[in-house]
Amino acid sequence: MVGDRPVAKNQSIWLPGFVREHGDGPNLLRRWWFIECHIEGPAIVLPRDGTNFLRFGLSEDPDDFLWPVTVGRKAVGTIVLSDCLFDSCQFSDIGITGGPGLMAQAREAWTGLGDSPRGT
């Protein structure tokens, strides 16, 4: 833990099972920090309330894993990430949905699988 936040570091995590075990409800994960983890799906995530992606890698092109949603619409069936941090994580079979601002942040943080994190 870092302060009151649980931390997962250098782990391989099957996200649907992780949310069931550690989440605040069947589809809500709140205040977790993930550092250098491999996050696996299948899953579509909806980041909210301060969730941040500092650097992450996916083998897919951003147009294949980013699913824009119109502001004001619900994203039914997603895993909601609230105030979570993903730093230098790799994602497999994970889609990200959200509004235009989130889509821009995700594109900026995406490094591509095997690339070194930006700024290093």
N, C-alpha and C. Protein backbone atom coordinates (compact mmCIF):
# COMPACT_ATOMS: atom_id res chain seq x y z
N MET A 1 0.85 -1.19 0.00
CA MET A 1 0.00 0.00 0.00
C MET A 1 0.89 1.24 0.00
N VAL A 2 0.40 2.26 -0.65
CA VAL A 2 1.01 3.58 -0.60
C VAL A 2 -0.04 4.49 0.00
N GLY A 3 0.20 4.92 1.23
CA GLY A 3 -0.84 5.65 1.95
C GLY A 3 -2.04 4.74 2.13
N ASP A 4 -3.19 5.18 1.67
CA ASP A 4 -4.39 4.36 1.76
C ASP A 4 -4.70 3.65 0.45
N ARG A 5 -3.76 3.69 -0.51
CA ARG A 5 -3.99 3.09 -1.82
C ARG A 5 -3.33 1.72 -1.93
N PRO A 6 -4.09 0.72 -2.36
CA PRO A 6 -3.47 -0.57 -2.65
C PRO A 6 -2.65 -0.47 -3.94
N VAL A 7 -1.56 -1.22 -3.99
CA VAL A 7 -0.64 -1.17 -5.14
C VAL A 7 -0.40 -2.59 -5.65
N ALA A 8 -0.42 -2.73 -6.96
CA ALA A 8 0.00 -3.97 -7.62
C ALA A 8 1.22 -3.62 -8.46
N LYS A 9 2.31 -4.34 -8.28
CA LYS A 9 3.54 -4.04 -8.99
C LYS A 9 4.12 -5.33 -9.58
N ASN A 10 4.52 -5.23 -10.86
CA ASN A 10 5.15 -6.36 -11.55
C ASN A 10 4.31 -7.63 -11.49
N GLN A 11 3.02 -7.50 -11.71
CA GLN A 11 2.13 -8.65 -11.67
C GLN A 11 1.42 -8.83 -13.01
N SER A 12 1.02 -10.06 -13.28
CA SER A 12 0.13 -10.36 -14.39
C SER A 12 -1.27 -10.46 -13.82
N ILE A 13 -2.19 -9.62 -14.31
CA ILE A 13 -3.51 -9.49 -13.71
C ILE A 13 -4.59 -9.74 -14.76
N TRP A 14 -5.45 -10.73 -14.49
CA TRP A 14 -6.64 -10.92 -15.31
C TRP A 14 -7.70 -9.98 -14.75
N LEU A 15 -7.97 -8.90 -15.47
CA LEU A 15 -8.76 -7.80 -14.94
C LEU A 15 -10.17 -8.20 -14.49
N PRO A 16 -10.94 -8.97 -15.26
CA PRO A 16 -12.28 -9.31 -14.76
C PRO A 16 -12.26 -10.02 -13.39
N GLY A 17 -11.35 -10.96 -13.19
CA GLY A 17 -11.24 -11.64 -11.90
C GLY A 17 -10.74 -10.73 -10.80
N PHE A 18 -9.79 -9.85 -11.14
CA PHE A 18 -9.23 -8.91 -10.17
C PHE A 18 -10.32 -7.98 -9.64
N VAL A 19 -11.19 -7.51 -10.55
CA VAL A 19 -12.27 -6.61 -10.14
C VAL A 19 -13.25 -7.34 -9.23
N ARG A 20 -13.55 -8.59 -9.55
CA ARG A 20 -14.46 -9.36 -8.68
C ARG A 20 -13.88 -9.53 -7.28
N GLU A 21 -12.57 -9.76 -7.20
CA GLU A 21 -11.92 -10.01 -5.91
C GLU A 21 -11.64 -8.73 -5.11
N HIS A 22 -11.22 -7.68 -5.80
CA HIS A 22 -10.74 -6.47 -5.11
C HIS A 22 -11.58 -5.22 -5.37
N GLY A 23 -12.62 -5.35 -6.18
CA GLY A 23 -13.40 -4.18 -6.57
C GLY A 23 -14.45 -3.77 -5.56
N ASP A 24 -15.01 -2.61 -5.81
CA ASP A 24 -16.11 -2.07 -5.01
C ASP A 24 -17.41 -2.32 -5.77
N GLY A 25 -17.76 -3.56 -5.94
CA GLY A 25 -18.92 -3.94 -6.74
C GLY A 25 -18.46 -4.77 -7.92
N PRO A 26 -19.40 -5.29 -8.69
CA PRO A 26 -19.05 -6.23 -9.77
C PRO A 26 -18.31 -5.60 -10.95
N ASN A 27 -18.39 -4.28 -11.10
CA ASN A 27 -17.72 -3.65 -12.24
C ASN A 27 -17.04 -2.33 -11.89
N LEU A 28 -16.60 -2.16 -10.64
CA LEU A 28 -15.97 -0.91 -10.21
C LEU A 28 -14.67 -1.20 -9.47
N LEU A 29 -13.60 -0.59 -9.95
CA LEU A 29 -12.31 -0.68 -9.27
C LEU A 29 -11.90 0.73 -8.89
N ARG A 30 -11.61 0.94 -7.60
CA ARG A 30 -11.38 2.29 -7.10
C ARG A 30 -10.03 2.40 -6.38
N ARG A 31 -9.26 3.46 -6.75
CA ARG A 31 -8.06 3.92 -6.05
C ARG A 31 -6.87 2.96 -6.11
N TRP A 32 -6.80 2.05 -7.06
CA TRP A 32 -5.65 1.15 -7.18
C TRP A 32 -4.55 1.80 -7.99
N TRP A 33 -3.30 1.49 -7.65
CA TRP A 33 -2.14 1.85 -8.46
C TRP A 33 -1.56 0.57 -9.04
N PHE A 34 -1.33 0.58 -10.35
CA PHE A 34 -0.72 -0.54 -11.06
C PHE A 34 0.59 -0.05 -11.65
N ILE A 35 1.68 -0.68 -11.28
CA ILE A 35 3.00 -0.26 -11.74
C ILE A 35 3.68 -1.45 -12.42
N GLU A 36 4.04 -1.26 -13.69
CA GLU A 36 4.75 -2.28 -14.48
C GLU A 36 4.03 -3.62 -14.44
N CYS A 37 2.71 -3.59 -14.60
CA CYS A 37 1.91 -4.81 -14.60
C CYS A 37 1.49 -5.18 -16.03
N HIS A 38 1.14 -6.43 -16.22
CA HIS A 38 0.53 -6.90 -17.46
C HIS A 38 -0.94 -7.10 -17.15
N ILE A 39 -1.79 -6.27 -17.74
CA ILE A 39 -3.23 -6.28 -17.48
C ILE A 39 -3.90 -7.01 -18.65
N GLU A 40 -4.64 -8.09 -18.32
CA GLU A 40 -5.24 -8.93 -19.37
C GLU A 40 -6.76 -8.89 -19.30
N GLY A 41 -7.39 -8.99 -20.47
CA GLY A 41 -8.83 -9.08 -20.60
C GLY A 41 -9.24 -10.46 -21.04
N PRO A 42 -10.38 -10.55 -21.67
CA PRO A 42 -11.06 -9.47 -22.40
C PRO A 42 -11.84 -8.55 -21.47
N ALA A 43 -11.77 -7.26 -21.79
CA ALA A 43 -12.51 -6.26 -21.02
C ALA A 43 -12.50 -4.93 -21.76
N ILE A 44 -13.54 -4.16 -21.52
CA ILE A 44 -13.60 -2.76 -21.94
C ILE A 44 -13.64 -1.95 -20.65
N VAL A 45 -12.74 -0.98 -20.50
CA VAL A 45 -12.68 -0.17 -19.28
C VAL A 45 -13.14 1.25 -19.57
N LEU A 46 -13.77 1.84 -18.57
CA LEU A 46 -14.22 3.22 -18.62
C LEU A 46 -13.52 3.98 -17.50
N PRO A 47 -12.40 4.65 -17.79
CA PRO A 47 -11.69 5.42 -16.76
C PRO A 47 -12.47 6.68 -16.38
N ARG A 48 -12.54 6.94 -15.06
CA ARG A 48 -13.25 8.12 -14.55
C ARG A 48 -12.55 8.66 -13.32
N ASP A 49 -12.98 9.83 -12.90
CA ASP A 49 -12.62 10.40 -11.59
C ASP A 49 -11.13 10.34 -11.29
N GLY A 50 -10.31 10.86 -12.19
CA GLY A 50 -8.88 10.97 -11.92
C GLY A 50 -8.05 9.77 -12.32
N THR A 51 -8.62 8.77 -12.99
CA THR A 51 -7.81 7.65 -13.46
C THR A 51 -6.80 8.16 -14.48
N ASN A 52 -5.56 7.69 -14.37
CA ASN A 52 -4.48 8.17 -15.22
C ASN A 52 -3.69 7.02 -15.81
N PHE A 53 -3.29 7.19 -17.04
CA PHE A 53 -2.38 6.27 -17.73
C PHE A 53 -1.10 7.05 -18.01
N LEU A 54 -0.02 6.76 -17.28
CA LEU A 54 1.22 7.51 -17.49
C LEU A 54 1.98 7.02 -18.70
N ARG A 55 2.11 5.74 -18.83
CA ARG A 55 2.72 5.11 -20.00
C ARG A 55 2.10 3.73 -20.08
N PHE A 56 1.75 3.28 -21.27
CA PHE A 56 1.26 1.92 -21.37
C PHE A 56 1.50 1.39 -22.77
N GLY A 57 1.52 0.10 -22.90
CA GLY A 57 1.74 -0.52 -24.18
C GLY A 57 0.65 -1.51 -24.52
N LEU A 58 0.35 -1.56 -25.80
CA LEU A 58 -0.59 -2.52 -26.37
C LEU A 58 -0.02 -2.93 -27.72
N SER A 59 -0.30 -4.14 -28.10
CA SER A 59 0.18 -4.59 -29.40
C SER A 59 -0.70 -4.07 -30.53
N GLU A 60 -1.89 -3.60 -30.21
CA GLU A 60 -2.83 -3.13 -31.22
C GLU A 60 -2.61 -1.65 -31.54
N ASP A 61 -3.11 -1.24 -32.69
CA ASP A 61 -3.15 0.15 -33.09
C ASP A 61 -4.17 0.88 -32.21
N PRO A 62 -3.92 2.14 -31.83
CA PRO A 62 -4.88 2.85 -30.98
C PRO A 62 -6.31 2.86 -31.52
N ASP A 63 -6.48 2.90 -32.83
CA ASP A 63 -7.83 2.90 -33.39
C ASP A 63 -8.56 1.59 -33.12
N ASP A 64 -7.83 0.53 -32.78
CA ASP A 64 -8.45 -0.76 -32.50
C ASP A 64 -8.80 -0.95 -31.03
N PHE A 65 -8.18 -0.22 -30.11
CA PHE A 65 -8.48 -0.40 -28.69
C PHE A 65 -9.16 0.79 -28.05
N LEU A 66 -9.22 1.93 -28.73
CA LEU A 66 -9.93 3.10 -28.20
C LEU A 66 -11.34 3.14 -28.77
N TRP A 67 -12.32 3.14 -27.91
CA TRP A 67 -13.72 3.13 -28.30
C TRP A 67 -14.38 4.42 -27.81
N PRO A 68 -14.39 5.47 -28.63
CA PRO A 68 -14.99 6.73 -28.19
C PRO A 68 -16.48 6.56 -27.87
N VAL A 69 -16.93 7.26 -26.85
CA VAL A 69 -18.35 7.27 -26.49
C VAL A 69 -18.80 8.72 -26.47
N THR A 70 -20.00 8.95 -26.95
CA THR A 70 -20.56 10.29 -26.97
C THR A 70 -20.82 10.76 -25.54
N VAL A 71 -20.42 11.98 -25.24
CA VAL A 71 -20.64 12.54 -23.91
C VAL A 71 -22.13 12.48 -23.58
N GLY A 72 -22.43 12.03 -22.37
CA GLY A 72 -23.81 11.91 -21.93
C GLY A 72 -24.40 10.53 -22.14
N ARG A 73 -23.71 9.68 -22.90
CA ARG A 73 -24.18 8.31 -23.12
C ARG A 73 -23.59 7.40 -22.06
N LYS A 74 -24.29 6.33 -21.75
CA LYS A 74 -23.80 5.33 -20.80
C LYS A 74 -22.96 4.31 -21.56
N ALA A 75 -21.98 3.77 -20.88
CA ALA A 75 -21.14 2.70 -21.43
C ALA A 75 -21.47 1.43 -20.66
N VAL A 76 -22.58 0.80 -20.99
CA VAL A 76 -23.09 -0.37 -20.27
C VAL A 76 -22.15 -1.56 -20.47
N GLY A 77 -21.90 -2.28 -19.38
CA GLY A 77 -21.09 -3.49 -19.45
C GLY A 77 -19.61 -3.28 -19.32
N THR A 78 -19.18 -2.06 -19.02
CA THR A 78 -17.76 -1.77 -18.88
C THR A 78 -17.30 -1.97 -17.44
N ILE A 79 -16.00 -2.07 -17.28
CA ILE A 79 -15.39 -2.02 -15.95
C ILE A 79 -15.01 -0.57 -15.71
N VAL A 80 -15.59 0.03 -14.67
CA VAL A 80 -15.32 1.43 -14.34
C VAL A 80 -14.08 1.50 -13.47
N LEU A 81 -13.13 2.33 -13.88
CA LEU A 81 -11.90 2.57 -13.11
C LEU A 81 -12.00 3.96 -12.52
N SER A 82 -12.03 4.06 -11.20
CA SER A 82 -12.19 5.33 -10.53
C SER A 82 -10.91 5.66 -9.75
N ASP A 83 -10.27 6.77 -10.12
CA ASP A 83 -9.09 7.26 -9.41
C ASP A 83 -7.99 6.20 -9.33
N CYS A 84 -7.77 5.50 -10.45
CA CYS A 84 -6.70 4.50 -10.53
C CYS A 84 -5.52 5.06 -11.32
N LEU A 85 -4.36 4.50 -11.11
CA LEU A 85 -3.15 4.91 -11.82
C LEU A 85 -2.53 3.68 -12.48
N PHE A 86 -2.22 3.80 -13.76
CA PHE A 86 -1.51 2.75 -14.50
C PHE A 86 -0.21 3.36 -15.00
N ASP A 87 0.91 2.88 -14.48
CA ASP A 87 2.22 3.41 -14.84
C ASP A 87 3.05 2.29 -15.46
N SER A 88 3.42 2.47 -16.72
CA SER A 88 4.30 1.53 -17.43
C SER A 88 3.71 0.13 -17.49
N CYS A 89 2.42 0.03 -17.75
CA CYS A 89 1.74 -1.27 -17.83
C CYS A 89 1.57 -1.69 -19.29
N GLN A 90 1.50 -2.99 -19.51
CA GLN A 90 1.17 -3.58 -20.81
C GLN A 90 -0.25 -4.12 -20.71
N PHE A 91 -1.04 -3.93 -21.77
CA PHE A 91 -2.42 -4.38 -21.80
C PHE A 91 -2.61 -5.37 -22.94
N SER A 92 -3.38 -6.43 -22.66
CA SER A 92 -3.75 -7.42 -23.68
C SER A 92 -5.25 -7.60 -23.65
N ASP A 93 -5.88 -7.51 -24.82
CA ASP A 93 -7.34 -7.70 -24.94
C ASP A 93 -8.12 -6.74 -24.05
N ILE A 94 -7.65 -5.49 -23.96
CA ILE A 94 -8.32 -4.46 -23.18
C ILE A 94 -8.67 -3.31 -24.12
N GLY A 95 -9.93 -2.91 -24.12
CA GLY A 95 -10.36 -1.73 -24.84
C GLY A 95 -10.60 -0.61 -23.84
N ILE A 96 -10.43 0.63 -24.29
CA ILE A 96 -10.65 1.79 -23.44
C ILE A 96 -11.74 2.64 -24.08
N THR A 97 -12.76 2.99 -23.30
CA THR A 97 -13.83 3.83 -23.81
C THR A 97 -13.92 5.10 -22.98
N GLY A 98 -14.42 6.15 -23.59
CA GLY A 98 -14.56 7.42 -22.89
C GLY A 98 -14.78 8.55 -23.88
N GLY A 99 -14.82 9.75 -23.35
CA GLY A 99 -15.03 10.94 -24.15
C GLY A 99 -13.77 11.39 -24.86
N PRO A 100 -13.86 12.47 -25.62
CA PRO A 100 -12.73 12.94 -26.44
C PRO A 100 -11.46 13.25 -25.63
N GLY A 101 -11.60 13.85 -24.45
CA GLY A 101 -10.42 14.17 -23.63
C GLY A 101 -9.67 12.93 -23.21
N LEU A 102 -10.40 11.92 -22.81
CA LEU A 102 -9.78 10.66 -22.41
C LEU A 102 -9.12 9.97 -23.61
N MET A 103 -9.76 10.02 -24.75
CA MET A 103 -9.18 9.40 -25.95
C MET A 103 -7.84 10.07 -26.30
N ALA A 104 -7.77 11.40 -26.16
CA ALA A 104 -6.52 12.12 -26.44
C ALA A 104 -5.45 11.74 -25.42
N GLN A 105 -5.82 11.64 -24.13
CA GLN A 105 -4.85 11.25 -23.10
C GLN A 105 -4.32 9.85 -23.36
N ALA A 106 -5.20 8.93 -23.72
CA ALA A 106 -4.78 7.55 -23.97
C ALA A 106 -3.84 7.47 -25.16
N ARG A 107 -4.13 8.22 -26.22
CA ARG A 107 -3.22 8.23 -27.38
C ARG A 107 -1.84 8.77 -26.98
N GLU A 108 -1.81 9.78 -26.14
CA GLU A 108 -0.54 10.37 -25.71
C GLU A 108 0.26 9.39 -24.85
N ALA A 109 -0.43 8.64 -24.00
CA ALA A 109 0.25 7.73 -23.08
C ALA A 109 0.67 6.43 -23.75
N TRP A 110 0.03 6.08 -24.87
CA TRP A 110 0.30 4.81 -25.55
C TRP A 110 1.72 4.80 -26.09
N THR A 111 2.45 3.73 -25.79
CA THR A 111 3.82 3.62 -26.28
C THR A 111 3.95 2.54 -27.33
N GLY A 112 2.99 1.65 -27.45
CA GLY A 112 3.11 0.51 -28.33
C GLY A 112 3.88 -0.60 -27.61
N LEU A 113 3.55 -1.83 -27.90
CA LEU A 113 4.17 -2.95 -27.23
C LEU A 113 5.64 -3.02 -27.61
N GLY A 114 6.50 -3.09 -26.59
CA GLY A 114 7.93 -3.22 -26.84
C GLY A 114 8.67 -1.90 -26.93
N ASP A 115 7.95 -0.79 -27.07
CA ASP A 115 8.61 0.51 -27.11
C ASP A 115 9.02 0.91 -25.70
N SER A 116 10.05 1.72 -25.58
CA SER A 116 10.41 2.23 -24.26
C SER A 116 9.42 3.32 -23.89
N PRO A 117 9.10 3.48 -22.61
CA PRO A 117 8.16 4.53 -22.21
C PRO A 117 8.66 5.90 -22.64
N ARG A 118 7.73 6.76 -22.99
CA ARG A 118 8.09 8.12 -23.41
C ARG A 118 8.80 8.85 -22.30
N GLY A 119 9.73 9.66 -22.67
CA GLY A 119 10.45 10.47 -21.69
C GLY A 119 11.63 9.74 -21.07
N THR A 120 11.92 8.52 -21.51
CA THR A 120 13.06 7.81 -20.95
C THR A 120 14.13 7.64 -22.00
